[in-house]
Amino acid sequence: MEFLIKVVVSALVISFSSWLAGRSPSAAGFLVAMPVATLLVLPMAQIEHGQNEKTIELARSILIAIPVTLGFFLPFLLADRFGLSFWPAYAAGCVLLPIGYLVHRGITALWFGGA
């Protein structure tokens, strides 16, 4: 039942953001840029596992991941310059995500001592 509640809450936040994008893309962009997933995941993880150290480590990992995952948006930023439409920019962003993951993994290994 707890899992179902998490799924419903998460789906509602995502669905609302998608709906809002049709009415106000800038408001939806701001909402999505907020750490909405983090605001949901951190308390859920703490309640589920009750391990302060692990939840704090999760928050630190997220802090490292945020700037690294912004690489996904670089093709959109440069779309005009390179003549990219949505799907090629999206695909390029998806290609950059595994690279970002490797960077994140390296940083967290240094910070957390191999975590």
PDB file of N, CA and C in Angstrom:
ATOM      1  N   MET A   1       0.823  -1.195   0.000  1.00  0.00           N
ATOM      2  CA  MET A   1       0.000   0.000   0.000  1.00  0.00           C
ATOM      3  C   MET A   1       0.868   1.259   0.000  1.00  0.00           C
ATOM      4  N   GLU A   2       1.963   1.217   0.776  1.00  0.00           N
ATOM      5  CA  GLU A   2       2.879   2.362   0.831  1.00  0.00           C
ATOM      6  C   GLU A   2       3.457   2.646  -0.559  1.00  0.00           C
ATOM      7  N   PHE A   3       3.822   1.585  -1.275  1.00  0.00           N
ATOM      8  CA  PHE A   3       4.372   1.742  -2.617  1.00  0.00           C
ATOM      9  C   PHE A   3       3.343   2.390  -3.544  1.00  0.00           C
ATOM     10  N   LEU A   4       2.100   1.961  -3.449  1.00  0.00           N
ATOM     11  CA  LEU A   4       1.039   2.509  -4.289  1.00  0.00           C
ATOM     12  C   LEU A   4       0.836   3.998  -4.014  1.00  0.00           C
ATOM     13  N   ILE A   5       0.911   4.395  -2.767  1.00  0.00           N
ATOM     14  CA  ILE A   5       0.777   5.821  -2.416  1.00  0.00           C
ATOM     15  C   ILE A   5       1.910   6.618  -3.050  1.00  0.00           C
ATOM     16  N   LYS A   6       3.132   6.082  -2.994  1.00  0.00           N
ATOM     17  CA  LYS A   6       4.279   6.764  -3.610  1.00  0.00           C
ATOM     18  C   LYS A   6       4.074   6.918  -5.112  1.00  0.00           C
ATOM     19  N   VAL A   7       3.605   5.873  -5.752  1.00  0.00           N
ATOM     20  CA  VAL A   7       3.371   5.918  -7.196  1.00  0.00           C
ATOM     21  C   VAL A   7       2.312   6.963  -7.539  1.00  0.00           C
ATOM     22  N   VAL A   8       1.224   6.975  -6.803  1.00  0.00           N
ATOM     23  CA  VAL A   8       0.134   7.915  -7.077  1.00  0.00           C
ATOM     24  C   VAL A   8       0.595   9.361  -6.876  1.00  0.00           C
ATOM     25  N   VAL A   9       1.268   9.638  -5.766  1.00  0.00           N
ATOM     26  CA  VAL A   9       1.746  11.004  -5.492  1.00  0.00           C
ATOM     27  C   VAL A   9       2.727  11.451  -6.581  1.00  0.00           C
ATOM     28  N   SER A  10       3.658  10.598  -6.923  1.00  0.00           N
ATOM     29  CA  SER A  10       4.644  10.936  -7.957  1.00  0.00           C
ATOM     30  C   SER A  10       3.971  11.157  -9.307  1.00  0.00           C
ATOM     31  N   ALA A  11       3.048  10.279  -9.662  1.00  0.00           N
ATOM     32  CA  ALA A  11       2.344  10.405 -10.939  1.00  0.00           C
ATOM     33  C   ALA A  11       1.528  11.696 -10.991  1.00  0.00           C
ATOM     34  N   LEU A  12       0.920  12.061  -9.893  1.00  0.00           N
ATOM     35  CA  LEU A  12       0.136  13.302  -9.855  1.00  0.00           C
ATOM     36  C   LEU A  12       1.019  14.526 -10.062  1.00  0.00           C
ATOM     37  N   VAL A  13       2.180  14.540  -9.430  1.00  0.00           N
ATOM     38  CA  VAL A  13       3.093  15.680  -9.595  1.00  0.00           C
ATOM     39  C   VAL A  13       3.558  15.781 -11.039  1.00  0.00           C
ATOM     40  N   ILE A  14       3.930  14.662 -11.625  1.00  0.00           N
ATOM     41  CA  ILE A  14       4.407  14.663 -13.018  1.00  0.00           C
ATOM     42  C   ILE A  14       3.267  15.040 -13.968  1.00  0.00           C
ATOM     43  N   SER A  15       2.102  14.454 -13.772  1.00  0.00           N
ATOM     44  CA  SER A  15       0.958  14.740 -14.640  1.00  0.00           C
ATOM     45  C   SER A  15       0.545  16.201 -14.547  1.00  0.00           C
ATOM     46  N   PHE A  16       0.536  16.744 -13.340  1.00  0.00           N
ATOM     47  CA  PHE A  16       0.189  18.151 -13.172  1.00  0.00           C
ATOM     48  C   PHE A  16       1.192  19.040 -13.900  1.00  0.00           C
ATOM     49  N   SER A  17       2.466  18.723 -13.786  1.00  0.00           N
ATOM     50  CA  SER A  17       3.502  19.521 -14.452  1.00  0.00           C
ATOM     51  C   SER A  17       3.331  19.472 -15.972  1.00  0.00           C
ATOM     52  N   SER A  18       3.029  18.296 -16.493  1.00  0.00           N
ATOM     53  CA  SER A  18       2.813  18.143 -17.932  1.00  0.00           C
ATOM     54  C   SER A  18       1.589  18.947 -18.374  1.00  0.00           C
ATOM     55  N   TRP A  19       0.518  18.881 -17.618  1.00  0.00           N
ATOM     56  CA  TRP A  19      -0.693  19.648 -17.925  1.00  0.00           C
ATOM     57  C   TRP A  19      -0.395  21.149 -17.881  1.00  0.00           C
ATOM     58  N   LEU A  20       0.325  21.576 -16.857  1.00  0.00           N
ATOM     59  CA  LEU A  20       0.644  22.988 -16.689  1.00  0.00           C
ATOM     60  C   LEU A  20       1.499  23.508 -17.852  1.00  0.00           C
ATOM     61  N   ALA A  21       2.320  22.640 -18.429  1.00  0.00           N
ATOM     62  CA  ALA A  21       3.177  23.055 -19.548  1.00  0.00           C
ATOM     63  C   ALA A  21       2.355  23.559 -20.725  1.00  0.00           C
ATOM     64  N   GLY A  22       1.160  23.024 -20.910  1.00  0.00           N
ATOM     65  CA  GLY A  22       0.295  23.486 -21.992  1.00  0.00           C
ATOM     66  C   GLY A  22      -0.313  24.849 -21.716  1.00  0.00           C
ATOM     67  N   ARG A  23      -0.482  25.194 -20.481  1.00  0.00           N
ATOM     68  CA  ARG A  23      -1.084  26.478 -20.104  1.00  0.00           C
ATOM     69  C   ARG A  23      -0.043  27.555 -19.847  1.00  0.00           C
ATOM     70  N   SER A  24       1.044  27.164 -19.187  1.00  0.00           N
ATOM     71  CA  SER A  24       2.086  28.128 -18.836  1.00  0.00           C
ATOM     72  C   SER A  24       3.437  27.418 -18.808  1.00  0.00           C
ATOM     73  N   PRO A  25       4.096  27.363 -19.968  1.00  0.00           N
ATOM     74  CA  PRO A  25       5.383  26.663 -20.023  1.00  0.00           C
ATOM     75  C   PRO A  25       6.414  27.199 -19.025  1.00  0.00           C
ATOM     76  N   SER A  26       6.419  28.502 -18.790  1.00  0.00           N
ATOM     77  CA  SER A  26       7.417  29.039 -17.861  1.00  0.00           C
ATOM     78  C   SER A  26       7.120  28.607 -16.428  1.00  0.00           C
ATOM     79  N   ALA A  27       5.855  28.587 -16.042  1.00  0.00           N
ATOM     80  CA  ALA A  27       5.498  28.122 -14.691  1.00  0.00           C
ATOM     81  C   ALA A  27       5.802  26.630 -14.551  1.00  0.00           C
ATOM     82  N   ALA A  28       5.486  25.855 -15.588  1.00  0.00           N
ATOM     83  CA  ALA A  28       5.780  24.416 -15.545  1.00  0.00           C
ATOM     84  C   ALA A  28       7.288  24.189 -15.476  1.00  0.00           C
ATOM     85  N   GLY A  29       8.044  24.970 -16.233  1.00  0.00           N
ATOM     86  CA  GLY A  29       9.500  24.848 -16.197  1.00  0.00           C
ATOM     87  C   GLY A  29      10.054  25.125 -14.817  1.00  0.00           C
ATOM     88  N   PHE A  30       9.516  26.151 -14.175  1.00  0.00           N
ATOM     89  CA  PHE A  30       9.966  26.460 -12.816  1.00  0.00           C
ATOM     90  C   PHE A  30       9.615  25.339 -11.858  1.00  0.00           C
ATOM     91  N   LEU A  31       8.378  24.817 -11.971  1.00  0.00           N
ATOM     92  CA  LEU A  31       7.944  23.723 -11.101  1.00  0.00           C
ATOM     93  C   LEU A  31       8.818  22.485 -11.286  1.00  0.00           C
ATOM     94  N   VAL A  32       9.097  22.148 -12.519  1.00  0.00           N
ATOM     95  CA  VAL A  32       9.897  20.953 -12.793  1.00  0.00           C
ATOM     96  C   VAL A  32      11.349  21.164 -12.369  1.00  0.00           C
ATOM     97  N   ALA A  33      11.841  22.401 -12.476  1.00  0.00           N
ATOM     98  CA  ALA A  33      13.225  22.670 -12.081  1.00  0.00           C
ATOM     99  C   ALA A  33      13.409  22.618 -10.573  1.00  0.00           C
ATOM    100  N   MET A  34      12.319  22.831  -9.839  1.00  0.00           N
ATOM    101  CA  MET A  34      12.420  22.703  -8.386  1.00  0.00           C
ATOM    102  C   MET A  34      12.759  21.253  -8.065  1.00  0.00           C
ATOM    103  N   PRO A  35      13.356  21.044  -6.955  1.00  0.00           N
ATOM    104  CA  PRO A  35      13.701  19.660  -6.606  1.00  0.00           C
ATOM    105  C   PRO A  35      12.482  18.864  -6.144  1.00  0.00           C
ATOM    106  N   VAL A  36      11.451  18.791  -7.022  1.00  0.00           N
ATOM    107  CA  VAL A  36      10.201  18.127  -6.663  1.00  0.00           C
ATOM    108  C   VAL A  36      10.447  16.658  -6.326  1.00  0.00           C
ATOM    109  N   ALA A  37      11.202  15.977  -7.182  1.00  0.00           N
ATOM    110  CA  ALA A  37      11.483  14.562  -6.910  1.00  0.00           C
ATOM    111  C   ALA A  37      12.238  14.414  -5.597  1.00  0.00           C
ATOM    112  N   THR A  38      13.175  15.312  -5.343  1.00  0.00           N
ATOM    113  CA  THR A  38      13.938  15.267  -4.101  1.00  0.00           C
ATOM    114  C   THR A  38      13.030  15.494  -2.897  1.00  0.00           C
ATOM    115  N   LEU A  39      12.110  16.457  -3.032  1.00  0.00           N
ATOM    116  CA  LEU A  39      11.177  16.730  -1.936  1.00  0.00           C
ATOM    117  C   LEU A  39      10.299  15.519  -1.634  1.00  0.00           C
ATOM    118  N   LEU A  40      10.044  14.694  -2.635  1.00  0.00           N
ATOM    119  CA  LEU A  40       9.252  13.478  -2.437  1.00  0.00           C
ATOM    120  C   LEU A  40      10.113  12.318  -1.939  1.00  0.00           C
ATOM    121  N   VAL A  41      11.277  12.143  -2.551  1.00  0.00           N
ATOM    122  CA  VAL A  41      12.096  10.957  -2.279  1.00  0.00           C
ATOM    123  C   VAL A  41      12.760  10.989  -0.900  1.00  0.00           C
ATOM    124  N   LEU A  42      13.299  12.120  -0.498  1.00  0.00           N
ATOM    125  CA  LEU A  42      14.026  12.148   0.778  1.00  0.00           C
ATOM    126  C   LEU A  42      13.163  11.731   1.968  1.00  0.00           C
ATOM    127  N   PRO A  43      11.992  12.322   2.170  1.00  0.00           N
ATOM    128  CA  PRO A  43      11.198  11.856   3.308  1.00  0.00           C
ATOM    129  C   PRO A  43      10.705  10.419   3.137  1.00  0.00           C
ATOM    130  N   MET A  44      10.388  10.026   1.889  1.00  0.00           N
ATOM    131  CA  MET A  44       9.956   8.642   1.665  1.00  0.00           C
ATOM    132  C   MET A  44      11.060   7.654   2.035  1.00  0.00           C
ATOM    133  N   ALA A  45      12.286   7.965   1.639  1.00  0.00           N
ATOM    134  CA  ALA A  45      13.417   7.089   1.957  1.00  0.00           C
ATOM    135  C   ALA A  45      13.675   7.052   3.460  1.00  0.00           C
ATOM    136  N   GLN A  46      13.582   8.208   4.095  1.00  0.00           N
ATOM    137  CA  GLN A  46      13.815   8.264   5.543  1.00  0.00           C
ATOM    138  C   GLN A  46      12.755   7.462   6.286  1.00  0.00           C
ATOM    139  N   ILE A  47      11.499   7.627   5.902  1.00  0.00           N
ATOM    140  CA  ILE A  47      10.411   6.889   6.551  1.00  0.00           C
ATOM    141  C   ILE A  47      10.552   5.393   6.309  1.00  0.00           C
ATOM    142  N   GLU A  48      10.869   5.034   5.067  1.00  0.00           N
ATOM    143  CA  GLU A  48      10.952   3.614   4.711  1.00  0.00           C
ATOM    144  C   GLU A  48      12.138   2.913   5.362  1.00  0.00           C
ATOM    145  N   HIS A  49      13.293   3.557   5.372  1.00  0.00           N
ATOM    146  CA  HIS A  49      14.517   2.900   5.838  1.00  0.00           C
ATOM    147  C   HIS A  49      14.958   3.355   7.225  1.00  0.00           C
ATOM    148  N   GLY A  50      14.605   4.584   7.604  1.00  0.00           N
ATOM    149  CA  GLY A  50      14.951   5.094   8.925  1.00  0.00           C
ATOM    150  C   GLY A  50      16.435   5.205   9.195  1.00  0.00           C
ATOM    151  N   GLN A  51      17.227   5.381   8.148  1.00  0.00           N
ATOM    152  CA  GLN A  51      18.682   5.465   8.302  1.00  0.00           C
ATOM    153  C   GLN A  51      19.139   6.886   7.956  1.00  0.00           C
ATOM    154  N   ASN A  52      19.400   7.673   8.994  1.00  0.00           N
ATOM    155  CA  ASN A  52      19.797   9.063   8.787  1.00  0.00           C
ATOM    156  C   ASN A  52      21.003   9.192   7.868  1.00  0.00           C
ATOM    157  N   GLU A  53      22.016   8.388   8.102  1.00  0.00           N
ATOM    158  CA  GLU A  53      23.258   8.496   7.328  1.00  0.00           C
ATOM    159  C   GLU A  53      23.004   8.229   5.848  1.00  0.00           C
ATOM    160  N   LYS A  54      22.197   7.206   5.556  1.00  0.00           N
ATOM    161  CA  LYS A  54      21.909   6.865   4.155  1.00  0.00           C
ATOM    162  C   LYS A  54      21.077   7.955   3.481  1.00  0.00           C
ATOM    163  N   THR A  55      20.130   8.524   4.205  1.00  0.00           N
ATOM    164  CA  THR A  55      19.302   9.578   3.629  1.00  0.00           C
ATOM    165  C   THR A  55      20.125  10.831   3.376  1.00  0.00           C
ATOM    166  N   ILE A  56      21.023  11.155   4.279  1.00  0.00           N
ATOM    167  CA  ILE A  56      21.909  12.311   4.073  1.00  0.00           C
ATOM    168  C   ILE A  56      22.858  12.052   2.911  1.00  0.00           C
ATOM    169  N   GLU A  57      23.363  10.833   2.804  1.00  0.00           N
ATOM    170  CA  GLU A  57      24.215  10.479   1.660  1.00  0.00           C
ATOM    171  C   GLU A  57      23.433  10.602   0.351  1.00  0.00           C
ATOM    172  N   LEU A  58      22.174  10.190   0.366  1.00  0.00           N
ATOM    173  CA  LEU A  58      21.310  10.342  -0.807  1.00  0.00           C
ATOM    174  C   LEU A  58      21.179  11.814  -1.179  1.00  0.00           C
ATOM    175  N   ALA A  59      20.937  12.675  -0.196  1.00  0.00           N
ATOM    176  CA  ALA A  59      20.808  14.112  -0.459  1.00  0.00           C
ATOM    177  C   ALA A  59      22.103  14.680  -1.036  1.00  0.00           C
ATOM    178  N   ARG A  60      23.232  14.258  -0.524  1.00  0.00           N
ATOM    179  CA  ARG A  60      24.518  14.726  -1.062  1.00  0.00           C
ATOM    180  C   ARG A  60      24.727  14.248  -2.490  1.00  0.00           C
ATOM    181  N   SER A  61      24.334  13.012  -2.752  1.00  0.00           N
ATOM    182  CA  SER A  61      24.448  12.482  -4.105  1.00  0.00           C
ATOM    183  C   SER A  61      23.590  13.286  -5.072  1.00  0.00           C
ATOM    184  N   ILE A  62      22.402  13.653  -4.630  1.00  0.00           N
ATOM    185  CA  ILE A  62      21.514  14.472  -5.454  1.00  0.00           C
ATOM    186  C   ILE A  62      22.151  15.830  -5.718  1.00  0.00           C
ATOM    187  N   LEU A  63      22.750  16.413  -4.692  1.00  0.00           N
ATOM    188  CA  LEU A  63      23.416  17.710  -4.851  1.00  0.00           C
ATOM    189  C   LEU A  63      24.499  17.638  -5.931  1.00  0.00           C
ATOM    190  N   ILE A  64      25.254  16.565  -5.953  1.00  0.00           N
ATOM    191  CA  ILE A  64      26.287  16.388  -6.974  1.00  0.00           C
ATOM    192  C   ILE A  64      25.640  16.154  -8.339  1.00  0.00           C
ATOM    193  N   ALA A  65      24.567  15.396  -8.360  1.00  0.00           N
ATOM    194  CA  ALA A  65      23.940  15.021  -9.628  1.00  0.00           C
ATOM    195  C   ALA A  65      23.267  16.199 -10.333  1.00  0.00           C
ATOM    196  N   ILE A  66      22.762  17.153  -9.591  1.00  0.00           N
ATOM    197  CA  ILE A  66      22.017  18.251 -10.220  1.00  0.00           C
ATOM    198  C   ILE A  66      22.852  18.987 -11.269  1.00  0.00           C
ATOM    199  N   PRO A  67      24.026  19.508 -10.932  1.00  0.00           N
ATOM    200  CA  PRO A  67      24.778  20.198 -11.991  1.00  0.00           C
ATOM    201  C   PRO A  67      25.257  19.254 -13.097  1.00  0.00           C
ATOM    202  N   VAL A  68      25.554  18.013 -12.742  1.00  0.00           N
ATOM    203  CA  VAL A  68      26.028  17.053 -13.736  1.00  0.00           C
ATOM    204  C   VAL A  68      24.919  16.734 -14.746  1.00  0.00           C
ATOM    205  N   THR A  69      23.688  16.562 -14.262  1.00  0.00           N
ATOM    206  CA  THR A  69      22.597  16.210 -15.164  1.00  0.00           C
ATOM    207  C   THR A  69      22.127  17.387 -16.018  1.00  0.00           C
ATOM    208  N   LEU A  70      22.557  18.577 -15.697  1.00  0.00           N
ATOM    209  CA  LEU A  70      22.201  19.721 -16.531  1.00  0.00           C
ATOM    210  C   LEU A  70      22.794  19.592 -17.936  1.00  0.00           C
ATOM    211  N   GLY A  71      23.777  18.721 -18.096  1.00  0.00           N
ATOM    212  CA  GLY A  71      24.319  18.436 -19.424  1.00  0.00           C
ATOM    213  C   GLY A  71      23.242  17.986 -20.398  1.00  0.00           C
ATOM    214  N   PHE A  72      22.190  17.367 -19.877  1.00  0.00           N
ATOM    215  CA  PHE A  72      21.065  16.953 -20.719  1.00  0.00           C
ATOM    216  C   PHE A  72      20.483  18.136 -21.492  1.00  0.00           C
ATOM    217  N   PHE A  73      20.507  19.313 -20.904  1.00  0.00           N
ATOM    218  CA  PHE A  73      19.890  20.488 -21.515  1.00  0.00           C
ATOM    219  C   PHE A  73      20.807  21.228 -22.493  1.00  0.00           C
ATOM    220  N   LEU A  74      22.083  20.886 -22.534  1.00  0.00           N
ATOM    221  CA  LEU A  74      23.005  21.578 -23.444  1.00  0.00           C
ATOM    222  C   LEU A  74      22.564  21.538 -24.901  1.00  0.00           C
ATOM    223  N   PRO A  75      22.133  20.387 -25.434  1.00  0.00           N
ATOM    224  CA  PRO A  75      21.683  20.396 -26.834  1.00  0.00           C
ATOM    225  C   PRO A  75      20.488  21.321 -27.083  1.00  0.00           C
ATOM    226  N   PHE A  76      19.615  21.474 -26.097  1.00  0.00           N
ATOM    227  CA  PHE A  76      18.489  22.396 -26.252  1.00  0.00           C
ATOM    228  C   PHE A  76      18.983  23.840 -26.252  1.00  0.00           C
ATOM    229  N   LEU A  77      19.949  24.111 -25.402  1.00  0.00           N
ATOM    230  CA  LEU A  77      20.530  25.451 -25.343  1.00  0.00           C
ATOM    231  C   LEU A  77      21.200  25.811 -26.669  1.00  0.00           C
ATOM    232  N   LEU A  78      21.836  24.825 -27.287  1.00  0.00           N
ATOM    233  CA  LEU A  78      22.580  25.047 -28.522  1.00  0.00           C
ATOM    234  C   LEU A  78      21.793  24.668 -29.775  1.00  0.00           C
ATOM    235  N   ALA A  79      20.514  24.362 -29.641  1.00  0.00           N
ATOM    236  CA  ALA A  79      19.703  23.892 -30.773  1.00  0.00           C
ATOM    237  C   ALA A  79      19.684  24.887 -31.934  1.00  0.00           C
ATOM    238  N   ASP A  80      19.526  26.159 -31.643  1.00  0.00           N
ATOM    239  CA  ASP A  80      19.495  27.158 -32.713  1.00  0.00           C
ATOM    240  C   ASP A  80      20.819  27.227 -33.443  1.00  0.00           C
ATOM    241  N   ARG A  81      21.885  27.199 -32.686  1.00  0.00           N
ATOM    242  CA  ARG A  81      23.220  27.296 -33.277  1.00  0.00           C
ATOM    243  C   ARG A  81      23.522  26.120 -34.201  1.00  0.00           C
ATOM    244  N   PHE A  82      23.061  24.913 -33.811  1.00  0.00           N
ATOM    245  CA  PHE A  82      23.358  23.716 -34.598  1.00  0.00           C
ATOM    246  C   PHE A  82      22.181  23.244 -35.444  1.00  0.00           C
ATOM    247  N   GLY A  83      21.102  24.013 -35.465  1.00  0.00           N
ATOM    248  CA  GLY A  83      19.948  23.672 -36.283  1.00  0.00           C
ATOM    249  C   GLY A  83      19.243  22.395 -35.843  1.00  0.00           C
ATOM    250  N   LEU A  84      19.193  22.151 -34.548  1.00  0.00           N
ATOM    251  CA  LEU A  84      18.552  20.941 -34.042  1.00  0.00           C
ATOM    252  C   LEU A  84      17.075  21.191 -33.758  1.00  0.00           C
ATOM    253  N   SER A  85      16.242  20.267 -34.170  1.00  0.00           N
ATOM    254  CA  SER A  85      14.840  20.315 -33.759  1.00  0.00           C
ATOM    255  C   SER A  85      14.728  19.534 -32.445  1.00  0.00           C
ATOM    256  N   PHE A  86      13.502  19.387 -31.948  1.00  0.00           N
ATOM    257  CA  PHE A  86      13.316  18.784 -30.626  1.00  0.00           C
ATOM    258  C   PHE A  86      13.915  17.380 -30.515  1.00  0.00           C
ATOM    259  N   TRP A  87      13.542  16.462 -31.401  1.00  0.00           N
ATOM    260  CA  TRP A  87      13.964  15.060 -31.223  1.00  0.00           C
ATOM    261  C   TRP A  87      15.470  14.857 -31.300  1.00  0.00           C
ATOM    262  N   PRO A  88      16.175  15.474 -32.243  1.00  0.00           N
ATOM    263  CA  PRO A  88      17.645  15.330 -32.213  1.00  0.00           C
ATOM    264  C   PRO A  88      18.271  15.934 -30.946  1.00  0.00           C
ATOM    265  N   ALA A  89      17.731  17.067 -30.488  1.00  0.00           N
ATOM    266  CA  ALA A  89      18.253  17.666 -29.255  1.00  0.00           C
ATOM    267  C   ALA A  89      17.980  16.752 -28.069  1.00  0.00           C
ATOM    268  N   TYR A  90      16.792  16.172 -28.039  1.00  0.00           N
ATOM    269  CA  TYR A  90      16.428  15.241 -26.964  1.00  0.00           C
ATOM    270  C   TYR A  90      17.341  14.016 -26.979  1.00  0.00           C
ATOM    271  N   ALA A  91      17.568  13.468 -28.163  1.00  0.00           N
ATOM    272  CA  ALA A  91      18.450  12.295 -28.288  1.00  0.00           C
ATOM    273  C   ALA A  91      19.870  12.631 -27.836  1.00  0.00           C
ATOM    274  N   ALA A  92      20.363  13.792 -28.240  1.00  0.00           N
ATOM    275  CA  ALA A  92      21.707  14.201 -27.826  1.00  0.00           C
ATOM    276  C   ALA A  92      21.774  14.364 -26.310  1.00  0.00           C
ATOM    277  N   GLY A  93      20.725  14.937 -25.728  1.00  0.00           N
ATOM    278  CA  GLY A  93      20.675  15.070 -24.268  1.00  0.00           C
ATOM    279  C   GLY A  93      20.696  13.711 -23.592  1.00  0.00           C
ATOM    280  N   CYS A  94      19.974  12.760 -24.155  1.00  0.00           N
ATOM    281  CA  CYS A  94      19.959  11.399 -23.596  1.00  0.00           C
ATOM    282  C   CYS A  94      21.326  10.740 -23.697  1.00  0.00           C
ATOM    283  N   VAL A  95      22.064  11.034 -24.754  1.00  0.00           N
ATOM    284  CA  VAL A  95      23.423  10.499 -24.899  1.00  0.00           C
ATOM    285  C   VAL A  95      24.346  11.093 -23.840  1.00  0.00           C
ATOM    286  N   LEU A  96      24.109  12.357 -23.490  1.00  0.00           N
ATOM    287  CA  LEU A  96      24.955  13.010 -22.489  1.00  0.00           C
ATOM    288  C   LEU A  96      24.690  12.513 -21.068  1.00  0.00           C
ATOM    289  N   LEU A  97      23.516  11.960 -20.810  1.00  0.00           N
ATOM    290  CA  LEU A  97      23.200  11.505 -19.457  1.00  0.00           C
ATOM    291  C   LEU A  97      24.105  10.381 -18.950  1.00  0.00           C
ATOM    292  N   PRO A  98      24.389   9.344 -19.745  1.00  0.00           N
ATOM    293  CA  PRO A  98      25.325   8.315 -19.238  1.00  0.00           C
ATOM    294  C   PRO A  98      26.719   8.872 -18.965  1.00  0.00           C
ATOM    295  N   ILE A  99      27.131   9.844 -19.746  1.00  0.00           N
ATOM    296  CA  ILE A  99      28.421  10.495 -19.494  1.00  0.00           C
ATOM    297  C   ILE A  99      28.351  11.222 -18.152  1.00  0.00           C
ATOM    298  N   GLY A 100      27.247  11.913 -17.925  1.00  0.00           N
ATOM    299  CA  GLY A 100      27.046  12.590 -16.645  1.00  0.00           C
ATOM    300  C   GLY A 100      27.028  11.613 -15.486  1.00  0.00           C
ATOM    301  N   TYR A 101      26.432  10.439 -15.711  1.00  0.00           N
ATOM    302  CA  TYR A 101      26.406   9.423 -14.652  1.00  0.00           C
ATOM    303  C   TYR A 101      27.825   8.990 -14.288  1.00  0.00           C
ATOM    304  N   LEU A 102      28.667   8.805 -15.285  1.00  0.00           N
ATOM    305  CA  LEU A 102      30.056   8.416 -15.000  1.00  0.00           C
ATOM    306  C   LEU A 102      30.787   9.505 -14.219  1.00  0.00           C
ATOM    307  N   VAL A 103      30.531  10.760 -14.573  1.00  0.00           N
ATOM    308  CA  VAL A 103      31.125  11.881 -13.827  1.00  0.00           C
ATOM    309  C   VAL A 103      30.605  11.863 -12.386  1.00  0.00           C
ATOM    310  N   HIS A 104      29.300  11.698 -12.233  1.00  0.00           N
ATOM    311  CA  HIS A 104      28.682  11.636 -10.902  1.00  0.00           C
ATOM    312  C   HIS A 104      29.269  10.496 -10.089  1.00  0.00           C
ATOM    313  N   ARG A 105      29.406   9.356 -10.716  1.00  0.00           N
ATOM    314  CA  ARG A 105      29.956   8.178 -10.027  1.00  0.00           C
ATOM    315  C   ARG A 105      31.380   8.435  -9.542  1.00  0.00           C
ATOM    316  N   GLY A 106      32.177   9.082 -10.380  1.00  0.00           N
ATOM    317  CA  GLY A 106      33.543   9.408  -9.994  1.00  0.00           C
ATOM    318  C   GLY A 106      33.600  10.387  -8.831  1.00  0.00           C
ATOM    319  N   ILE A 107      32.777  11.414  -8.892  1.00  0.00           N
ATOM    320  CA  ILE A 107      32.762  12.402  -7.810  1.00  0.00           C
ATOM    321  C   ILE A 107      32.286  11.787  -6.500  1.00  0.00           C
ATOM    322  N   THR A 108      31.204  11.003  -6.570  1.00  0.00           N
ATOM    323  CA  THR A 108      30.695  10.401  -5.338  1.00  0.00           C
ATOM    324  C   THR A 108      31.667   9.377  -4.767  1.00  0.00           C
ATOM    325  N   ALA A 109      32.401   8.690  -5.633  1.00  0.00           N
ATOM    326  CA  ALA A 109      33.407   7.748  -5.150  1.00  0.00           C
ATOM    327  C   ALA A 109      34.503   8.481  -4.366  1.00  0.00           C
ATOM    328  N   LEU A 110      34.878   9.655  -4.861  1.00  0.00           N
ATOM    329  CA  LEU A 110      35.879  10.452  -4.155  1.00  0.00           C
ATOM    330  C   LEU A 110      35.315  11.011  -2.842  1.00  0.00           C
ATOM    331  N   TRP A 111      34.098  11.511  -2.903  1.00  0.00           N
ATOM    332  CA  TRP A 111      33.484  12.149  -1.741  1.00  0.00           C
ATOM    333  C   TRP A 111      33.094  11.147  -0.667  1.00  0.00           C
ATOM    334  N   PHE A 112      32.472  10.050  -1.088  1.00  0.00           N
ATOM    335  CA  PHE A 112      31.961   9.072  -0.132  1.00  0.00           C
ATOM    336  C   PHE A 112      32.910   7.906   0.089  1.00  0.00           C
ATOM    337  N   GLY A 113      34.060   7.949  -0.543  1.00  0.00           N
ATOM    338  CA  GLY A 113      35.017   6.859  -0.352  1.00  0.00           C
ATOM    339  C   GLY A 113      34.577   5.542  -0.968  1.00  0.00           C
ATOM    340  N   GLY A 114      34.131   5.606  -2.232  1.00  0.00           N
ATOM    341  CA  GLY A 114      33.780   4.376  -2.937  1.00  0.00           C
ATOM    342  C   GLY A 114      32.315   4.019  -2.902  1.00  0.00           C
ATOM    343  N   ALA A 115      31.464   4.935  -2.465  1.00  0.00           N
ATOM    344  CA  ALA A 115      30.017   4.637  -2.408  1.00  0.00           C
ATOM    345  C   ALA A 115      29.419   4.550  -3.785  1.00  0.00           C
TER     346      ALA A 115
END
